[in-house]
């Protein structure tokens, strides 16, 4: 009898845990948005990065994270990222109004470590006056 009671309690607990899980949602136009993002990813890949990871965060915008190629200095990375912001990010046309494009590059060298970050609204990414730029050095 005691075993039966324990089994019932365990089954009730397992049923409660699974019942609390949220249902999956889908992102409208995700495939087309992802295709637009690939252009910017390719530009970073060819010029400044070893690896680029990118994703879309609903309600926020697109985020690109990349590791800077060894030996590149901050000025070179800044030039290439800003060039891509001006000319390529306006092609990410499926972002809802008010969402942003965030680009974060990390450099880890033997003697230094730094990151550069750009955050811009999608509809004004070609205008440098709208960019929030951060540079952090360890």
N, C-alpha and C. Protein backbone atom coordinates (compact mmCIF):
# COMPACT_ATOMS: atom_id res chain seq x y z
N UNK A 1 0.81 -1.19 0.00
CA UNK A 1 0.00 0.00 0.00
C UNK A 1 0.87 1.27 0.00
N UNK A 2 1.93 1.21 0.81
CA UNK A 2 2.83 2.36 0.90
C UNK A 2 3.50 2.61 -0.46
N UNK A 3 3.89 1.53 -1.13
CA UNK A 3 4.52 1.66 -2.45
C UNK A 3 3.56 2.27 -3.46
N UNK A 4 2.32 1.87 -3.40
CA UNK A 4 1.31 2.41 -4.30
C UNK A 4 1.13 3.91 -4.07
N UNK A 5 1.12 4.33 -2.82
CA UNK A 5 0.97 5.74 -2.50
C UNK A 5 2.18 6.53 -3.01
N UNK A 6 3.38 5.99 -2.85
CA UNK A 6 4.60 6.67 -3.33
C UNK A 6 4.56 6.78 -4.86
N UNK A 7 4.17 5.71 -5.54
CA UNK A 7 4.07 5.73 -7.01
C UNK A 7 3.08 6.79 -7.47
N UNK A 8 1.94 6.90 -6.79
CA UNK A 8 0.94 7.90 -7.16
C UNK A 8 1.48 9.32 -6.97
N UNK A 9 2.19 9.55 -5.86
CA UNK A 9 2.76 10.88 -5.60
C UNK A 9 3.79 11.22 -6.68
N UNK A 10 4.66 10.27 -7.03
CA UNK A 10 5.68 10.50 -8.06
C UNK A 10 5.02 10.81 -9.40
N UNK A 11 3.99 10.05 -9.75
CA UNK A 11 3.30 10.28 -11.02
C UNK A 11 2.61 11.64 -11.04
N UNK A 12 2.04 12.05 -9.93
CA UNK A 12 1.41 13.37 -9.85
C UNK A 12 2.45 14.49 -10.00
N UNK A 13 3.60 14.31 -9.35
CA UNK A 13 4.66 15.31 -9.46
C UNK A 13 5.18 15.40 -10.89
N UNK A 14 5.41 14.27 -11.54
CA UNK A 14 5.87 14.28 -12.92
C UNK A 14 4.83 14.90 -13.84
N UNK A 15 3.60 14.64 -13.62
CA UNK A 15 2.53 15.24 -14.42
C UNK A 15 2.47 16.75 -14.25
N UNK A 16 2.73 17.24 -13.05
CA UNK A 16 2.72 18.67 -12.78
C UNK A 16 3.89 19.35 -13.46
N UNK A 17 5.06 18.74 -13.44
CA UNK A 17 6.25 19.33 -14.05
C UNK A 17 6.05 19.49 -15.55
N UNK A 18 5.55 18.48 -16.21
CA UNK A 18 5.36 18.57 -17.66
C UNK A 18 4.23 19.51 -18.02
N UNK A 19 3.23 19.60 -17.21
CA UNK A 19 2.09 20.47 -17.52
C UNK A 19 2.50 21.94 -17.48
N UNK A 20 3.54 22.31 -16.74
CA UNK A 20 3.96 23.69 -16.62
C UNK A 20 4.82 24.19 -17.77
N UNK A 21 5.25 23.32 -18.67
CA UNK A 21 6.12 23.73 -19.77
C UNK A 21 5.34 24.58 -20.77
N UNK A 22 5.99 25.63 -21.26
CA UNK A 22 5.36 26.51 -22.24
C UNK A 22 5.35 25.87 -23.62
N UNK A 23 4.39 26.27 -24.41
CA UNK A 23 4.33 25.78 -25.78
C UNK A 23 5.31 26.56 -26.65
N UNK A 24 5.83 25.91 -27.67
CA UNK A 24 6.74 26.57 -28.60
C UNK A 24 6.00 27.60 -29.43
N UNK A 25 6.68 28.70 -29.71
CA UNK A 25 6.15 29.73 -30.60
C UNK A 25 7.02 29.75 -31.85
N UNK A 26 6.50 30.30 -32.91
CA UNK A 26 7.30 30.45 -34.13
C UNK A 26 7.47 31.94 -34.42
N UNK A 27 8.53 32.26 -35.12
CA UNK A 27 8.83 33.63 -35.50
C UNK A 27 8.38 33.82 -36.95
N UNK A 28 7.47 34.75 -37.19
CA UNK A 28 7.02 34.98 -38.57
C UNK A 28 8.20 35.40 -39.46
N UNK A 29 8.25 34.90 -40.67
CA UNK A 29 9.29 35.23 -41.65
C UNK A 29 10.70 34.90 -41.19
N UNK A 30 10.84 33.91 -40.31
CA UNK A 30 12.15 33.58 -39.76
C UNK A 30 13.15 33.19 -40.85
N UNK A 31 12.76 32.39 -41.81
CA UNK A 31 13.69 31.94 -42.85
C UNK A 31 14.20 33.12 -43.67
N UNK A 32 13.32 34.04 -44.03
CA UNK A 32 13.73 35.21 -44.80
C UNK A 32 14.63 36.13 -43.97
N UNK A 33 14.30 36.31 -42.71
CA UNK A 33 15.11 37.13 -41.81
C UNK A 33 16.50 36.52 -41.65
N UNK A 34 16.54 35.22 -41.48
CA UNK A 34 17.82 34.52 -41.34
C UNK A 34 18.67 34.70 -42.59
N UNK A 35 18.04 34.66 -43.75
CA UNK A 35 18.76 34.84 -45.01
C UNK A 35 19.34 36.26 -45.08
N UNK A 36 18.57 37.27 -44.65
CA UNK A 36 19.09 38.64 -44.61
C UNK A 36 20.28 38.75 -43.66
N UNK A 37 20.21 38.08 -42.53
CA UNK A 37 21.28 38.13 -41.54
C UNK A 37 22.57 37.51 -42.07
N UNK A 38 22.44 36.54 -42.96
CA UNK A 38 23.62 35.84 -43.49
C UNK A 38 24.54 36.79 -44.27
N UNK A 39 23.98 37.82 -44.91
CA UNK A 39 24.82 38.79 -45.63
C UNK A 39 25.77 39.50 -44.67
N UNK A 40 25.24 39.96 -43.56
CA UNK A 40 26.07 40.66 -42.57
C UNK A 40 27.07 39.69 -41.94
N UNK A 41 26.62 38.50 -41.65
CA UNK A 41 27.51 37.47 -41.09
C UNK A 41 28.67 37.20 -42.04
N UNK A 42 28.36 37.11 -43.32
CA UNK A 42 29.41 36.87 -44.32
C UNK A 42 30.41 38.00 -44.38
N UNK A 43 29.94 39.25 -44.27
CA UNK A 43 30.84 40.39 -44.29
C UNK A 43 31.80 40.35 -43.10
N UNK A 44 31.29 40.03 -41.92
CA UNK A 44 32.16 39.92 -40.74
C UNK A 44 33.13 38.75 -40.89
N UNK A 45 32.64 37.65 -41.40
CA UNK A 45 33.47 36.46 -41.59
C UNK A 45 34.66 36.74 -42.51
N UNK A 46 34.43 37.47 -43.57
CA UNK A 46 35.48 37.73 -44.55
C UNK A 46 36.50 38.76 -44.06
N UNK A 47 36.10 39.65 -43.17
CA UNK A 47 36.98 40.77 -42.84
C UNK A 47 37.61 40.70 -41.45
N UNK A 48 36.84 40.42 -40.42
CA UNK A 48 37.38 40.60 -39.06
C UNK A 48 37.24 39.41 -38.12
N UNK A 49 36.50 38.39 -38.50
CA UNK A 49 36.18 37.39 -37.48
C UNK A 49 36.70 36.00 -37.80
N UNK A 50 36.87 35.23 -36.73
CA UNK A 50 37.15 33.80 -36.84
C UNK A 50 35.83 33.04 -36.88
N UNK A 51 34.94 33.41 -36.00
CA UNK A 51 33.64 32.75 -35.86
C UNK A 51 32.58 33.81 -35.62
N UNK A 52 31.46 33.69 -36.31
CA UNK A 52 30.33 34.61 -36.10
C UNK A 52 29.13 33.78 -35.70
N UNK A 53 28.51 34.17 -34.60
CA UNK A 53 27.24 33.58 -34.18
C UNK A 53 26.19 34.67 -34.26
N UNK A 54 25.04 34.32 -34.78
CA UNK A 54 23.99 35.33 -34.88
C UNK A 54 22.64 34.70 -34.58
N UNK A 55 21.75 35.56 -34.08
CA UNK A 55 20.40 35.09 -33.79
C UNK A 55 19.44 36.28 -33.80
N UNK A 56 18.17 35.96 -33.86
CA UNK A 56 17.13 36.97 -33.75
C UNK A 56 16.43 36.77 -32.41
N UNK A 57 16.28 37.84 -31.64
CA UNK A 57 15.58 37.81 -30.36
C UNK A 57 14.28 38.59 -30.53
N UNK A 58 13.13 37.91 -30.53
CA UNK A 58 11.86 38.61 -30.72
C UNK A 58 11.67 39.74 -29.72
N UNK A 59 11.30 40.89 -30.23
CA UNK A 59 11.09 42.06 -29.37
C UNK A 59 12.34 42.88 -29.15
N UNK A 60 13.51 42.34 -29.48
CA UNK A 60 14.78 43.06 -29.33
C UNK A 60 15.40 43.36 -30.69
N UNK A 61 15.68 42.32 -31.45
CA UNK A 61 16.30 42.49 -32.76
C UNK A 61 17.29 41.39 -33.05
N UNK A 62 18.30 41.70 -33.87
CA UNK A 62 19.31 40.70 -34.23
C UNK A 62 20.59 40.98 -33.46
N UNK A 63 21.29 39.90 -33.14
CA UNK A 63 22.54 40.00 -32.39
C UNK A 63 23.60 39.20 -33.13
N UNK A 64 24.76 39.81 -33.32
CA UNK A 64 25.90 39.15 -33.93
C UNK A 64 27.04 39.16 -32.91
N UNK A 65 27.57 38.00 -32.59
CA UNK A 65 28.72 37.86 -31.71
C UNK A 65 29.85 37.27 -32.53
N UNK A 66 31.05 37.84 -32.41
CA UNK A 66 32.16 37.28 -33.17
C UNK A 66 33.47 37.41 -32.40
N UNK A 67 34.36 36.48 -32.69
CA UNK A 67 35.71 36.56 -32.15
C UNK A 67 36.59 37.20 -33.22
N UNK A 68 37.36 38.20 -32.81
CA UNK A 68 38.21 38.95 -33.74
C UNK A 68 39.43 38.11 -34.12
N UNK A 69 39.81 38.19 -35.40
CA UNK A 69 40.99 37.47 -35.88
C UNK A 69 42.21 37.91 -35.08
N UNK A 70 43.06 36.96 -34.78
CA UNK A 70 44.26 37.24 -34.00
C UNK A 70 45.13 38.28 -34.71
N UNK A 71 45.61 39.24 -33.95
CA UNK A 71 46.52 40.25 -34.47
C UNK A 71 45.85 41.50 -35.02
N UNK A 72 44.54 41.49 -35.16
CA UNK A 72 43.84 42.69 -35.64
C UNK A 72 43.75 43.69 -34.50
N UNK A 73 43.92 44.97 -34.83
CA UNK A 73 43.76 45.98 -33.79
C UNK A 73 42.36 46.58 -33.82
N UNK A 74 42.06 47.30 -32.77
CA UNK A 74 40.72 47.83 -32.57
C UNK A 74 40.30 48.75 -33.72
N UNK A 75 41.22 49.56 -34.25
CA UNK A 75 40.87 50.50 -35.31
C UNK A 75 40.45 49.78 -36.59
N UNK A 76 41.15 48.69 -36.93
CA UNK A 76 40.79 47.92 -38.13
C UNK A 76 39.42 47.27 -37.98
N UNK A 77 39.17 46.72 -36.81
CA UNK A 77 37.88 46.08 -36.56
C UNK A 77 36.78 47.13 -36.62
N UNK A 78 37.01 48.27 -35.99
CA UNK A 78 36.04 49.34 -35.99
C UNK A 78 35.71 49.78 -37.42
N UNK A 79 36.72 49.95 -38.25
CA UNK A 79 36.50 50.36 -39.64
C UNK A 79 35.61 49.36 -40.38
N UNK A 80 35.91 48.07 -40.28
CA UNK A 80 35.16 47.05 -41.00
C UNK A 80 33.73 46.90 -40.49
N UNK A 81 33.55 46.95 -39.17
CA UNK A 81 32.21 46.82 -38.61
C UNK A 81 31.35 48.03 -39.03
N UNK A 82 31.93 49.22 -38.97
CA UNK A 82 31.18 50.42 -39.35
C UNK A 82 30.84 50.41 -40.84
N UNK A 83 31.73 49.91 -41.65
CA UNK A 83 31.44 49.80 -43.09
C UNK A 83 30.26 48.84 -43.31
N UNK A 84 30.27 47.73 -42.61
CA UNK A 84 29.17 46.77 -42.73
C UNK A 84 27.86 47.37 -42.20
N UNK A 85 27.93 48.11 -41.11
CA UNK A 85 26.73 48.76 -40.58
C UNK A 85 26.11 49.72 -41.59
N UNK A 86 26.96 50.51 -42.26
CA UNK A 86 26.45 51.49 -43.21
C UNK A 86 25.83 50.85 -44.44
N UNK A 87 26.47 49.82 -44.96
CA UNK A 87 26.07 49.30 -46.27
C UNK A 87 25.28 48.00 -46.26
N UNK A 88 25.47 47.18 -45.24
CA UNK A 88 24.84 45.86 -45.27
C UNK A 88 23.64 45.76 -44.35
N UNK A 89 23.71 46.33 -43.14
CA UNK A 89 22.58 46.16 -42.22
C UNK A 89 21.27 46.74 -42.73
N UNK A 90 21.27 47.79 -43.58
CA UNK A 90 19.96 48.21 -44.10
C UNK A 90 19.26 47.13 -44.92
N UNK A 91 19.99 46.11 -45.34
CA UNK A 91 19.36 45.02 -46.08
C UNK A 91 18.59 44.07 -45.15
N UNK A 92 18.78 44.20 -43.84
CA UNK A 92 18.00 43.39 -42.90
C UNK A 92 16.66 44.10 -42.74
N UNK A 93 15.82 43.91 -43.72
CA UNK A 93 14.61 44.72 -43.84
C UNK A 93 13.40 44.16 -43.11
N UNK A 94 13.48 42.95 -42.63
CA UNK A 94 12.30 42.33 -42.02
C UNK A 94 12.17 42.58 -40.52
N UNK A 95 13.09 43.32 -39.93
CA UNK A 95 12.99 43.60 -38.50
C UNK A 95 11.82 44.55 -38.25
N UNK A 96 11.02 44.25 -37.23
CA UNK A 96 9.93 45.17 -36.88
C UNK A 96 10.48 46.53 -36.44
N UNK A 97 9.70 47.56 -36.63
CA UNK A 97 10.11 48.91 -36.27
C UNK A 97 10.50 48.99 -34.80
N UNK A 98 11.59 49.68 -34.53
CA UNK A 98 12.06 49.86 -33.16
C UNK A 98 13.02 48.80 -32.68
N UNK A 99 13.16 47.69 -33.41
CA UNK A 99 14.12 46.67 -32.98
C UNK A 99 15.53 47.08 -33.39
N UNK A 100 16.51 46.44 -32.81
CA UNK A 100 17.89 46.87 -32.98
C UNK A 100 18.76 45.80 -33.63
N UNK A 101 19.92 46.27 -34.04
CA UNK A 101 20.99 45.40 -34.51
C UNK A 101 22.14 45.58 -33.52
N UNK A 102 22.56 44.51 -32.90
CA UNK A 102 23.67 44.57 -31.95
C UNK A 102 24.81 43.72 -32.48
N UNK A 103 26.01 44.30 -32.50
CA UNK A 103 27.20 43.61 -32.99
C UNK A 103 28.25 43.68 -31.89
N UNK A 104 28.74 42.52 -31.48
CA UNK A 104 29.73 42.47 -30.41
C UNK A 104 30.91 41.64 -30.87
N UNK A 105 32.10 42.25 -30.84
CA UNK A 105 33.33 41.55 -31.21
C UNK A 105 34.25 41.43 -30.00
N UNK A 106 34.83 40.24 -29.84
CA UNK A 106 35.73 39.97 -28.71
C UNK A 106 37.12 39.68 -29.24
N UNK A 107 38.13 40.25 -28.59
CA UNK A 107 39.53 39.96 -28.93
C UNK A 107 40.24 39.46 -27.68
N UNK A 108 40.89 38.32 -27.79
CA UNK A 108 41.69 37.79 -26.70
C UNK A 108 43.07 37.48 -27.25
N UNK A 109 44.03 38.36 -26.96
CA UNK A 109 45.40 38.16 -27.38
C UNK A 109 46.26 37.78 -26.19
N UNK A 110 47.54 37.63 -26.45
CA UNK A 110 48.47 37.23 -25.39
C UNK A 110 48.57 38.29 -24.31
N UNK A 111 48.63 39.55 -24.71
CA UNK A 111 48.82 40.63 -23.74
C UNK A 111 47.60 41.54 -23.55
N UNK A 112 46.58 41.34 -24.34
CA UNK A 112 45.42 42.22 -24.20
C UNK A 112 44.13 41.49 -24.48
N UNK A 113 43.07 42.07 -23.95
CA UNK A 113 41.73 41.53 -24.14
C UNK A 113 40.78 42.71 -24.21
N UNK A 114 39.92 42.73 -25.24
CA UNK A 114 38.98 43.82 -25.38
C UNK A 114 37.74 43.37 -26.13
N UNK A 115 36.71 44.23 -26.06
CA UNK A 115 35.50 44.00 -26.84
C UNK A 115 35.03 45.32 -27.41
N UNK A 116 34.41 45.22 -28.57
CA UNK A 116 33.81 46.39 -29.19
C UNK A 116 32.36 46.04 -29.48
N UNK A 117 31.46 46.99 -29.21
CA UNK A 117 30.03 46.70 -29.33
C UNK A 117 29.33 47.89 -30.01
N UNK A 118 28.48 47.56 -30.96
CA UNK A 118 27.64 48.55 -31.63
C UNK A 118 26.19 48.14 -31.44
N UNK A 119 25.36 49.11 -31.10
CA UNK A 119 23.93 48.87 -31.00
C UNK A 119 23.26 50.00 -31.78
N UNK A 120 22.42 49.62 -32.73
CA UNK A 120 21.77 50.60 -33.58
C UNK A 120 20.34 50.17 -33.88
N UNK A 121 19.46 51.11 -34.03
CA UNK A 121 18.11 50.77 -34.47
C UNK A 121 18.17 50.29 -35.90
N UNK A 122 17.40 49.32 -36.23
CA UNK A 122 17.44 48.72 -37.56
C UNK A 122 17.12 49.72 -38.66
N UNK A 123 16.18 50.62 -38.41
CA UNK A 123 15.76 51.55 -39.46
C UNK A 123 16.74 52.71 -39.67
N UNK A 124 17.76 52.83 -38.82
CA UNK A 124 18.72 53.93 -38.98
C UNK A 124 20.16 53.44 -38.89
N UNK A 125 20.39 52.16 -39.17
CA UNK A 125 21.73 51.60 -39.01
C UNK A 125 22.75 52.20 -39.95
N UNK A 126 22.34 52.83 -41.04
CA UNK A 126 23.28 53.44 -41.98
C UNK A 126 23.79 54.79 -41.48
N UNK A 127 23.17 55.34 -40.44
CA UNK A 127 23.54 56.66 -39.93
C UNK A 127 24.40 56.53 -38.67
N UNK A 128 25.70 56.89 -38.76
CA UNK A 128 26.60 56.77 -37.60
C UNK A 128 26.15 57.55 -36.37
N UNK A 129 25.35 58.59 -36.56
CA UNK A 129 24.88 59.38 -35.41
C UNK A 129 23.91 58.60 -34.53
N UNK A 130 23.38 57.50 -35.03
CA UNK A 130 22.41 56.72 -34.25
C UNK A 130 23.05 55.52 -33.55
N UNK A 131 24.33 55.30 -33.74
CA UNK A 131 24.99 54.14 -33.15
C UNK A 131 25.39 54.41 -31.71
N UNK A 132 25.14 53.45 -30.85
CA UNK A 132 25.75 53.45 -29.52
C UNK A 132 26.97 52.55 -29.62
N UNK A 133 28.15 53.10 -29.34
CA UNK A 133 29.39 52.35 -29.50
C UNK A 133 30.06 52.22 -28.14
N UNK A 134 30.48 51.00 -27.83
CA UNK A 134 31.14 50.72 -26.56
C UNK A 134 32.47 50.04 -26.85
N UNK A 135 33.51 50.43 -26.11
CA UNK A 135 34.80 49.76 -26.21
C UNK A 135 35.27 49.49 -24.79
N UNK A 136 35.47 48.22 -24.49
CA UNK A 136 35.89 47.82 -23.16
C UNK A 136 37.20 47.06 -23.27
N UNK A 137 38.15 47.42 -22.42
CA UNK A 137 39.48 46.79 -22.44
C UNK A 137 39.84 46.32 -21.06
N UNK A 138 40.44 45.16 -21.01
CA UNK A 138 40.86 44.63 -19.72
C UNK A 138 42.31 44.98 -19.48
